[in-house]
Each structure stands twice: as C-alpha cells, then as structure tokens.
C-alpha cells in the first residue's frame, strides 16, 4: 500500500517535436538548477513526513499496548469523577447552608448594627440630657455658693449681733436678779414686837408666865406682821421653832404651824405650842418663819 504522504516524481519522455522547441542552454541550466532545488526540497519534506509517520506508528502501537491500562485508568478516573461530583454536590449543599448561615449572620449583624445605632442615639440623648442636668447642677451650685457666701456674711453679722445681745442679756439678767432680790426682800414679811413667854399650867387649865425651866409647860409667842403693800395677799403658813444655845431644835408635842390670811396690812398673831420634854435651864431662841422664810426671832432665858 502506497503512502499518500510520500511524494514520488514522474519522468515523461520527450518527442522530436519537443526537441525542436528546446530552449537555449542557459535556460536549461537555470531550469535544471530550479528543478534540483525543488527535488532537494521535496526530499527533505519526504524525509520529515516519513519520520512523522514512523513516530505516529510507534505512538499508535504504544497506545494499542497500553489500551487496557488506559481503560482501567479511565474507569478509575470515571469513579473518581463520580465521587468528586458527589463530594462537589455535598459541598454545594454545605455551601448553600453556609450561605444561609452567612445570610442569617448578615441579617443578625444588620439587626445588631441597627440596635447599636439606636443605642448610640439613646446614649447620645442621655449624654445630652446628663450634660444639661450637669450644667443646671453647676449653675445651681454656683447660685448655692453665692448664697452660701452671702449666708456666711449674714452669719458673721448675726454672730456679732448675737454676741452683743448675749452681753446685753447677761446685763439684763444681772439687773433682773438684782431686781428680783430687791423685790423678794421688799415682798418678804417681817415680824416685829415679838414677845416669847414661857408659861406654866395651873389646875384650872389656865396658863401664867414663868421663868423657871422646870415649870414651863407651854411657849407662847405674840408678834405683829408688818404692813407690806408689795407682798401679795393670800394665805400664809407661819411656823415657830425653839432652839437651844447649841442650835438644836427642841421638839414639841403640839403643832407649831399656823395658817393665816394676809391682807397686806399690819396683823397681830399669837402662836402656842407645848415642848415634848421638860426644858433645862439656859438660853433659848424662838425663831419665826413665814412660808419657810425667817421673819424674826426673840431670846428666852430660863432659870
């Protein structure tokens, strides 16, 4: 079988008519040279085509020898491709899930961004409100400080006035105490014309004066309450007390108190009481009290 890729030149015989029309020698030489060049070129092309055919034949034989291996490799490749497609499908499903999660995450991020924006706005509003309140508080603090300064000045003035008033009050208290002492002294009742008489009792229950201690059964005191228009009128309690020379009170069996009605004018009073024990000879003093204030006294000497 001829190879169609191999070029084979054809030689044709020349007739007499052709020789009659042969060109000149120079033309023939040029044509021969050109033909030689063409033959060389065609030979080179045939050689290259032959080498290519040989290479293709060798490749075809090698391919036939490796046909089983290629089929097995194709089957393995098909299985790998199927597995890869399944994995790709699974990955596509997971990718869809991831895309869904990403979409949810984006929505959540958008919601959080919206919440953050609202929170930022609220925080800005709160900050503005706090700043306004702070400004108001600072203004109020300044007002309070000014008022406090004014109050301190007023307090200093009041303290000075208070010190002055305290001195005046102390002076007034001293005057009041002195006046009260004078009023108390002026309103105190005084007893004068005091007569203290020891008396002895006879069988007919009549009493007579005596100077003997062992015969003294009763003490009688007569005195006059002086007139005092400054002393308030009303009931007064009088009390008599017998004291020995050592200042010890002599007890009595009968009451030594007496209530009278004082009307701011001179008034005669008589008081009597019985000592609880026999008196001893010596000097004694009768003291008179009106509302527990001493108003007079008189001495007694018994033999």
Protein backbone atom coordinates (compact mmCIF):
# COMPACT_ATOMS: atom_id res chain seq x y z
CA UNK A 1 0.00 0.00 0.00
CA UNK A 2 1.38 3.31 -1.08
CA UNK A 3 1.72 6.05 1.47
CA UNK A 4 -0.14 9.08 0.18
CA UNK A 5 2.05 11.35 2.23
CA UNK A 6 5.26 10.38 0.27
CA UNK A 7 5.91 12.47 -2.90
CA UNK A 8 7.10 10.47 -5.92
CA UNK A 9 8.21 12.43 -9.08
CA UNK A 10 7.09 11.24 -12.60
CA UNK A 11 9.54 11.25 -15.69
CA UNK A 12 7.98 11.77 -19.14
CA UNK A 13 9.87 11.01 -22.44
CA UNK A 14 10.41 13.86 -24.93
CA UNK A 15 9.36 13.58 -28.53
CA UNK A 16 11.13 15.03 -31.62
CA UNK A 17 8.71 17.87 -31.69
CA UNK A 18 9.64 18.68 -28.16
CA UNK A 19 13.37 18.67 -29.03
CA UNK A 20 12.61 21.08 -31.80
CA UNK A 21 11.29 23.51 -29.26
CA UNK A 22 14.13 23.10 -26.65
CA UNK A 23 15.25 26.42 -25.30
CA UNK A 24 18.78 27.66 -25.05
CA UNK A 25 21.48 26.11 -22.84
CA UNK A 26 21.40 28.89 -20.28
CA UNK A 27 17.69 28.50 -19.89
CA UNK A 28 18.07 24.77 -19.46
CA UNK A 29 20.73 25.19 -16.84
CA UNK A 30 18.52 27.57 -14.90
CA UNK A 31 15.59 25.22 -15.19
CA UNK A 32 17.75 22.29 -14.12
CA UNK A 33 19.01 24.20 -11.14
CA UNK A 34 15.49 25.16 -10.15
CA UNK A 35 14.33 21.57 -10.57
CA UNK A 36 17.25 20.34 -8.47
CA UNK A 37 16.32 22.74 -5.73
CA UNK A 38 12.75 21.58 -5.93
CA UNK A 39 13.87 17.93 -5.71
CA UNK A 40 16.02 18.70 -2.68
CA UNK A 41 13.14 20.49 -1.00
CA UNK A 42 10.76 17.67 -1.82
CA UNK A 43 13.26 15.13 -0.49
CA UNK A 44 13.60 16.98 2.76
CA UNK A 45 9.84 17.16 3.07
CA UNK A 46 9.53 13.41 2.31
CA UNK A 47 12.14 12.62 4.97
CA UNK A 48 10.31 14.71 7.55
CA UNK A 49 6.94 13.21 6.63
CA UNK A 50 8.43 9.71 6.84
CA UNK A 51 9.82 10.44 10.31
CA UNK A 52 6.45 11.80 11.39
CA UNK A 53 4.63 8.72 10.07
CA UNK A 54 7.08 6.49 11.89
CA UNK A 55 6.54 8.42 15.11
CA UNK A 56 2.77 8.20 14.68
CA UNK A 57 3.03 4.44 14.05
CA UNK A 58 5.11 3.99 17.17
CA UNK A 59 2.67 6.08 19.18
CA UNK A 60 -0.26 4.07 17.81
CA UNK A 61 1.43 0.77 18.67
CA UNK A 62 2.27 2.04 22.16
CA UNK A 63 -1.32 3.21 22.54
CA UNK A 64 -2.60 -0.21 21.50
CA UNK A 65 -0.28 -1.84 24.01
CA UNK A 66 -1.42 0.49 26.74
CA UNK A 67 -5.10 0.32 25.83
CA UNK A 68 -6.06 -1.84 28.85
CA UNK A 69 -4.20 0.39 31.26
CA UNK A 70 -5.88 3.45 29.79
CA UNK A 71 -9.31 1.79 30.08
CA UNK A 72 -8.67 0.90 33.70
CA UNK A 73 -7.38 4.40 34.30
CA UNK A 74 -10.46 5.77 32.53
CA UNK A 75 -12.71 3.66 34.78
CA UNK A 76 -10.82 4.82 37.87
CA UNK A 77 -10.99 8.35 36.58
CA UNK A 78 -14.74 7.93 36.00
CA UNK A 79 -15.20 6.60 39.53
CA UNK A 80 -13.06 9.42 40.92
CA UNK A 81 -15.06 11.87 38.82
CA UNK A 82 -18.32 10.41 40.18
CA UNK A 83 -17.00 10.58 43.74
CA UNK A 84 -15.75 14.08 43.10
CA UNK A 85 -19.15 15.08 41.69
CA UNK A 86 -20.87 13.62 44.76
CA UNK A 87 -18.44 15.45 47.04
CA UNK A 88 -18.98 18.56 44.94
CA UNK A 89 -22.76 18.16 45.32
CA UNK A 90 -22.35 17.68 49.08
CA UNK A 91 -20.01 20.65 49.21
CA UNK A 92 -22.56 22.65 47.21
CA UNK A 93 -25.21 21.70 49.80
CA UNK A 94 -22.88 22.66 52.63
CA UNK A 95 -22.01 25.82 50.71
CA UNK A 96 -25.72 26.61 50.45
CA UNK A 97 -26.08 26.02 54.19
CA UNK A 98 -23.05 28.22 54.82
CA UNK A 99 -24.54 30.85 52.53
CA UNK A 100 -27.80 30.62 54.52
CA UNK A 101 -25.87 30.96 57.77
CA UNK A 102 -23.93 33.85 56.29
CA UNK A 103 -27.20 35.48 55.23
CA UNK A 104 -28.62 34.95 58.75
CA UNK A 105 -25.39 36.28 60.22
CA UNK A 106 -25.55 39.30 57.91
CA UNK A 107 -29.16 39.89 58.97
CA UNK A 108 -28.15 39.50 62.62
CA UNK A 109 -25.25 41.89 62.07
CA UNK A 110 -27.65 44.34 60.43
CA UNK A 111 -30.04 44.00 63.38
CA UNK A 112 -27.19 44.46 65.83
CA UNK A 113 -25.96 47.43 63.85
CA UNK A 114 -29.48 48.87 63.98
CA UNK A 115 -29.64 48.20 67.72
CA UNK A 116 -26.18 49.72 68.16
CA UNK A 117 -27.28 52.74 66.16
CA UNK A 118 -30.40 53.10 68.33
CA UNK A 119 -28.32 52.54 71.46
CA UNK A 120 -25.83 55.14 70.25
CA UNK A 121 -28.67 57.58 69.62
CA UNK A 122 -30.17 56.85 73.04
CA UNK A 123 -26.74 57.17 74.64
CA UNK A 124 -26.18 60.44 72.83
CA UNK A 125 -29.59 61.65 74.01
CA UNK A 126 -28.83 60.50 77.57
CA UNK A 127 -25.43 62.17 77.41
CA UNK A 128 -27.04 65.38 76.19
CA UNK A 129 -29.63 65.14 78.99
CA UNK A 130 -26.87 64.45 81.52
CA UNK A 131 -24.87 67.37 80.20
CA UNK A 132 -27.94 69.61 80.51
CA UNK A 133 -28.55 68.36 84.04
CA UNK A 134 -24.86 68.82 84.84
CA UNK A 135 -24.98 72.36 83.51
CA UNK A 136 -28.12 73.03 85.56
CA UNK A 137 -26.47 71.46 88.62
CA UNK A 138 -23.34 73.57 88.13
CA UNK A 139 -25.47 76.70 87.75
CA UNK A 140 -27.41 75.73 90.88
CA UNK A 141 -24.11 75.03 92.66
CA UNK A 142 -22.84 78.48 91.70
CA UNK A 143 -26.07 80.01 92.99
CA UNK A 144 -25.79 77.99 96.19
CA UNK A 145 -22.15 79.01 96.61
CA UNK A 146 -23.09 82.66 96.15
CA UNK A 147 -25.97 82.20 98.56
CA UNK A 148 -23.65 80.37 100.96
CA UNK A 149 -21.18 83.26 100.80
CA UNK A 150 -23.99 85.70 101.50
CA UNK A 151 -25.23 83.47 104.31
CA UNK A 152 -21.72 83.34 105.78
CA UNK A 153 -21.58 87.13 105.76
CA UNK A 154 -25.04 87.24 107.31
CA UNK A 155 -23.97 84.58 109.82
CA UNK A 156 -20.90 86.60 110.79
CA UNK A 157 -23.11 89.63 111.27
CA UNK A 158 -25.63 87.58 113.24
CA UNK A 159 -22.85 86.15 115.40
CA UNK A 160 -21.62 89.65 116.15
CA UNK A 161 -25.19 90.73 116.91
CA UNK A 162 -25.68 87.58 118.98
CA UNK A 163 -22.53 88.29 120.98
CA UNK A 164 -23.71 91.84 121.60
CA UNK A 165 -27.20 90.60 122.53
CA UNK A 166 -25.72 87.96 124.85
CA UNK A 167 -23.78 90.66 126.66
CA UNK A 168 -26.93 92.74 126.87
CA UNK A 169 -28.89 89.68 128.07
CA UNK A 170 -26.29 88.97 130.73
CA UNK A 171 -26.50 92.56 131.86
CA UNK A 172 -30.31 92.35 131.86
CA UNK A 173 -30.16 89.07 133.79
CA UNK A 174 -27.91 90.66 136.37
CA UNK A 175 -30.31 93.58 136.63
CA UNK A 176 -33.24 91.15 136.80
CA UNK A 177 -31.60 89.06 139.54
CA UNK A 178 -30.81 92.19 141.49
CA UNK A 179 -34.35 93.43 140.98
CA UNK A 180 -35.76 90.03 141.99
CA UNK A 181 -33.65 90.07 145.13
CA UNK A 182 -34.91 93.54 145.90
CA UNK A 183 -38.49 92.54 145.13
CA UNK A 184 -38.15 89.39 147.20
CA UNK A 185 -36.67 91.36 150.03
CA UNK A 186 -39.33 94.01 149.63
CA UNK A 187 -42.17 91.46 149.49
CA UNK A 188 -40.84 89.42 152.42
CA UNK A 189 -42.98 89.74 155.51
CA UNK A 190 -41.33 90.96 158.68
CA UNK A 191 -42.34 90.30 162.27
CA UNK A 192 -41.76 92.89 164.96
CA UNK A 193 -42.80 93.42 168.59
CA UNK A 194 -42.02 89.75 169.23
CA UNK A 195 -42.75 88.56 172.75
CA UNK A 196 -41.82 84.98 173.68
CA UNK A 197 -43.29 83.92 177.03
CA UNK A 198 -42.73 80.61 178.84
CA UNK A 199 -45.94 79.61 180.65
CA UNK A 200 -46.88 77.20 183.39
CA UNK A 201 -50.22 75.48 183.72
CA UNK A 202 -52.36 75.56 186.84
CA UNK A 203 -55.11 73.20 187.95
CA UNK A 204 -57.88 75.20 186.33
CA UNK A 205 -56.07 74.81 182.92
CA UNK A 206 -55.09 78.39 182.97
CA UNK A 207 -51.56 79.45 181.93
CA UNK A 208 -49.40 82.08 183.59
CA UNK A 209 -45.95 83.45 182.70
CA UNK A 210 -42.91 81.84 184.37
CA UNK A 211 -39.11 82.00 184.10
CA UNK A 212 -38.39 78.62 185.67
CA UNK A 213 -37.47 75.86 183.29
CA UNK A 214 -39.00 73.01 185.27
CA UNK A 215 -42.35 74.82 185.50
CA UNK A 216 -42.55 75.67 181.78
CA UNK A 217 -45.37 73.72 180.14
CA UNK A 218 -46.04 75.89 177.09
CA UNK A 219 -44.37 78.53 174.92
CA UNK A 220 -46.45 81.46 173.71
CA UNK A 221 -45.24 83.91 171.06
CA UNK A 222 -47.02 87.13 170.20
CA UNK A 223 -45.83 89.31 167.30
CA UNK A 224 -47.03 91.71 164.64
CA UNK A 225 -46.73 91.07 160.88
CA UNK A 226 -45.67 94.37 159.37
CA UNK A 227 -47.67 96.07 156.63
CA UNK A 228 -46.28 95.40 153.12
CA UNK A 229 -48.22 96.55 150.06
CA UNK A 230 -45.72 94.80 147.75
CA UNK A 231 -46.34 91.38 149.29
CA UNK A 232 -49.18 89.52 147.58
CA UNK A 233 -52.31 88.97 149.64
CA UNK A 234 -53.42 85.43 150.42
CA UNK A 235 -52.94 82.51 152.77
CA UNK A 236 -49.58 82.29 154.54
CA UNK A 237 -48.12 79.45 156.60
CA UNK A 238 -46.42 80.50 159.84
CA UNK A 239 -44.09 78.25 161.80
CA UNK A 240 -42.39 78.71 165.20
CA UNK A 241 -39.19 76.96 166.30
CA UNK A 242 -37.50 76.76 169.73
CA UNK A 243 -33.70 76.35 169.53
CA UNK A 244 -31.33 75.85 172.48
CA UNK A 245 -27.95 77.52 172.91
CA UNK A 246 -26.24 74.83 170.82
CA UNK A 247 -28.61 75.43 167.88
CA UNK A 248 -30.53 72.19 168.39
CA UNK A 249 -34.28 72.35 167.84
CA UNK A 250 -36.50 71.46 170.80
CA UNK A 251 -39.26 69.15 169.68
CA UNK A 252 -42.88 69.78 170.57
CA UNK A 253 -45.96 67.70 171.27
CA UNK A 254 -48.36 70.07 169.53
CA UNK A 255 -48.34 71.61 166.06
CA UNK A 256 -46.07 74.60 165.63
CA UNK A 257 -47.60 75.63 162.28
CA UNK A 258 -50.46 78.04 161.71
CA UNK A 259 -52.17 79.28 158.54
CA UNK A 260 -53.41 82.87 158.36
CA UNK A 261 -54.96 85.17 155.76
CA UNK A 262 -52.67 88.08 154.99
CA UNK A 263 -54.26 91.25 153.57
CA UNK A 264 -51.14 93.47 153.14
CA UNK A 265 -51.71 95.39 156.39
CA UNK A 266 -50.33 95.02 159.94
CA UNK A 267 -51.68 91.95 161.67
CA UNK A 268 -51.33 90.64 165.26
CA UNK A 269 -50.53 86.92 165.56
CA UNK A 270 -50.30 84.61 168.59
CA UNK A 271 -48.82 81.11 168.45
CA UNK A 272 -48.64 78.49 171.23
CA UNK A 273 -47.08 75.02 171.47
CA UNK A 274 -46.02 72.52 174.14
CA UNK A 275 -42.44 71.13 174.26
CA UNK A 276 -42.27 67.34 174.20
CA UNK A 277 -39.77 67.19 177.11
CA UNK A 278 -39.01 69.20 180.21
CA UNK A 279 -36.79 72.14 179.40
CA UNK A 280 -33.46 72.65 181.09
CA UNK A 281 -32.28 75.97 182.43
CA UNK A 282 -30.43 78.07 179.88
CA UNK A 283 -30.75 80.41 176.94
CA UNK A 284 -33.16 79.66 174.09
CA UNK A 285 -34.20 81.39 170.90
CA UNK A 286 -37.64 81.44 169.31
CA UNK A 287 -37.45 81.67 165.50
CA UNK A 288 -40.43 82.61 163.35
CA UNK A 289 -40.93 81.55 159.70
CA UNK A 290 -43.43 82.58 157.04
CA UNK A 291 -43.59 80.22 154.04
CA UNK A 292 -40.25 78.73 155.18
CA UNK A 293 -38.57 82.17 155.23
CA UNK A 294 -37.33 83.51 158.56
CA UNK A 295 -39.20 86.69 159.52
CA UNK A 296 -37.94 87.28 163.06
CA UNK A 297 -36.63 85.82 166.34
CA UNK A 298 -36.63 86.52 170.09
CA UNK A 299 -34.49 85.21 173.03
CA UNK A 300 -35.74 83.35 176.16
CA UNK A 301 -33.76 82.72 179.34
CA UNK A 302 -34.95 80.05 181.77
CA UNK A 303 -33.62 79.51 185.27
